[in-house]
């Protein structure tokens, strides 16, 4: 998880939230050591009329970069994530945020 540092002590799984959510993440490394770095980012929502703190995933994508041994950086292509990708995160999310319920990804109708 990559929580927003201003709210890292808040028990919320959301890094960013709002009516027009925007994801901005500027990765930085002091040295260019070899690295394969991939992120999974999800747009999800929490119903306000529910009695539980529930997270419902809507869409997800992966992105990232690779740093070669010569320091060269290559961007990874953006890829759509599947419901199975979301489901793979559920054990970690449930353990990390026990006050929240994480629904399985429902296919769009």
Protein backbone atom coordinates (compact mmCIF):
# COMPACT_ATOMS: atom_id res chain seq x y z
CA UNK A 1 0.00 0.00 0.00
CA UNK A 2 1.07 3.53 -0.68
CA UNK A 3 -0.98 5.67 1.70
CA UNK A 4 -0.96 9.44 1.46
CA UNK A 5 1.63 10.46 4.06
CA UNK A 6 -0.60 13.15 5.61
CA UNK A 7 -3.08 10.42 6.57
CA UNK A 8 -0.75 7.48 7.23
CA UNK A 9 -2.10 7.17 10.80
CA UNK A 10 -5.73 7.09 9.59
CA UNK A 11 -7.21 3.60 9.27
CA UNK A 12 -8.32 4.09 5.65
CA UNK A 13 -7.31 2.06 2.61
CA UNK A 14 -7.67 5.08 0.35
CA UNK A 15 -4.59 7.02 -0.72
CA UNK A 16 -6.61 9.65 -2.61
CA UNK A 17 -10.32 10.41 -2.62
CA UNK A 18 -12.77 12.98 -3.90
CA UNK A 19 -15.42 13.69 -6.49
CA UNK A 20 -12.83 14.03 -9.27
CA UNK A 21 -10.12 11.59 -8.17
CA UNK A 22 -6.69 12.06 -9.68
CA UNK A 23 -3.73 9.76 -9.26
CA UNK A 24 -0.31 11.38 -9.17
CA UNK A 25 2.75 9.43 -8.13
CA UNK A 26 6.25 10.74 -8.90
CA UNK A 27 8.67 7.96 -8.06
CA UNK A 28 12.14 9.02 -7.01
CA UNK A 29 15.36 7.12 -6.35
CA UNK A 30 18.60 8.57 -5.03
CA UNK A 31 20.56 5.95 -7.02
CA UNK A 32 19.71 4.10 -10.18
CA UNK A 33 20.22 0.57 -8.92
CA UNK A 34 18.63 -2.18 -11.01
CA UNK A 35 14.93 -2.42 -10.19
CA UNK A 36 11.67 -3.71 -11.64
CA UNK A 37 8.88 -1.62 -10.06
CA UNK A 38 5.19 -2.24 -10.80
CA UNK A 39 2.16 -0.60 -9.21
CA UNK A 40 -1.46 -1.72 -9.18
CA UNK A 41 -3.85 1.23 -8.96
CA UNK A 42 -7.61 0.93 -8.50
CA UNK A 43 -10.55 3.29 -8.72
CA UNK A 44 -13.12 2.18 -6.16
CA UNK A 45 -15.99 3.61 -4.17
CA UNK A 46 -17.55 3.32 -0.76
CA UNK A 47 -21.36 3.51 -0.52
CA UNK A 48 -22.35 6.20 1.96
CA UNK A 49 -25.69 4.55 2.79
CA UNK A 50 -24.11 1.30 4.00
CA UNK A 51 -23.62 0.48 7.68
CA UNK A 52 -20.17 -1.00 6.97
CA UNK A 53 -17.05 0.64 5.60
CA UNK A 54 -17.11 -1.15 2.26
CA UNK A 55 -14.77 -0.85 -0.73
CA UNK A 56 -16.15 -1.74 -4.15
CA UNK A 57 -13.59 -1.85 -6.98
CA UNK A 58 -14.57 -0.27 -10.31
CA UNK A 59 -11.48 -0.47 -12.52
CA UNK A 60 -7.76 -1.09 -12.15
CA UNK A 61 -4.54 -0.73 -14.09
CA UNK A 62 -0.87 -1.54 -13.64
CA UNK A 63 2.02 0.72 -14.48
CA UNK A 64 5.66 1.08 -13.56
CA UNK A 65 9.24 1.21 -14.71
CA UNK A 66 12.41 -0.85 -14.89
CA UNK A 67 15.94 0.36 -14.15
CA UNK A 68 18.62 -1.59 -16.02
CA UNK A 69 22.11 -2.28 -14.66
CA UNK A 70 23.44 0.61 -16.80
CA UNK A 71 20.94 3.02 -15.16
CA UNK A 72 18.66 3.19 -18.20
CA UNK A 73 14.95 3.58 -17.29
CA UNK A 74 12.22 1.92 -19.31
CA UNK A 75 8.55 2.59 -18.69
CA UNK A 76 6.27 -0.42 -18.41
CA UNK A 77 3.16 -0.34 -20.58
CA UNK A 78 -0.09 0.49 -18.80
CA UNK A 79 -2.25 -2.62 -18.58
CA UNK A 80 -5.84 -3.21 -17.49
CA UNK A 81 -6.09 -5.34 -14.34
CA UNK A 82 -8.53 -8.23 -14.02
CA UNK A 83 -10.90 -9.22 -11.21
CA UNK A 84 -8.39 -11.95 -10.32
CA UNK A 85 -5.69 -9.28 -9.82
CA UNK A 86 -7.97 -7.46 -7.35
CA UNK A 87 -8.84 -10.71 -5.57
CA UNK A 88 -5.12 -11.43 -5.06
CA UNK A 89 -4.91 -8.28 -2.90
CA UNK A 90 -7.88 -9.17 -0.66
CA UNK A 91 -5.97 -11.11 2.04
CA UNK A 92 -3.51 -8.22 2.50
CA UNK A 93 -6.26 -5.58 2.48
CA UNK A 94 -8.39 -7.50 4.97
CA UNK A 95 -5.47 -7.96 7.36
CA UNK A 96 -4.23 -4.37 7.00
CA UNK A 97 -7.67 -2.74 7.33
CA UNK A 98 -9.78 -4.97 9.60
CA UNK A 99 -12.45 -2.28 10.01
CA UNK A 100 -13.24 -2.38 6.29
CA UNK A 101 -15.00 -4.87 4.01
CA UNK A 102 -13.46 -5.43 0.57
CA UNK A 103 -15.90 -6.77 -2.00
CA UNK A 104 -14.89 -9.03 -4.84
CA UNK A 105 -14.82 -7.33 -8.21
CA UNK A 106 -18.18 -7.72 -9.95
CA UNK A 107 -17.99 -7.85 -13.74
CA UNK A 108 -19.70 -4.98 -15.52
CA UNK A 109 -23.10 -5.88 -16.88
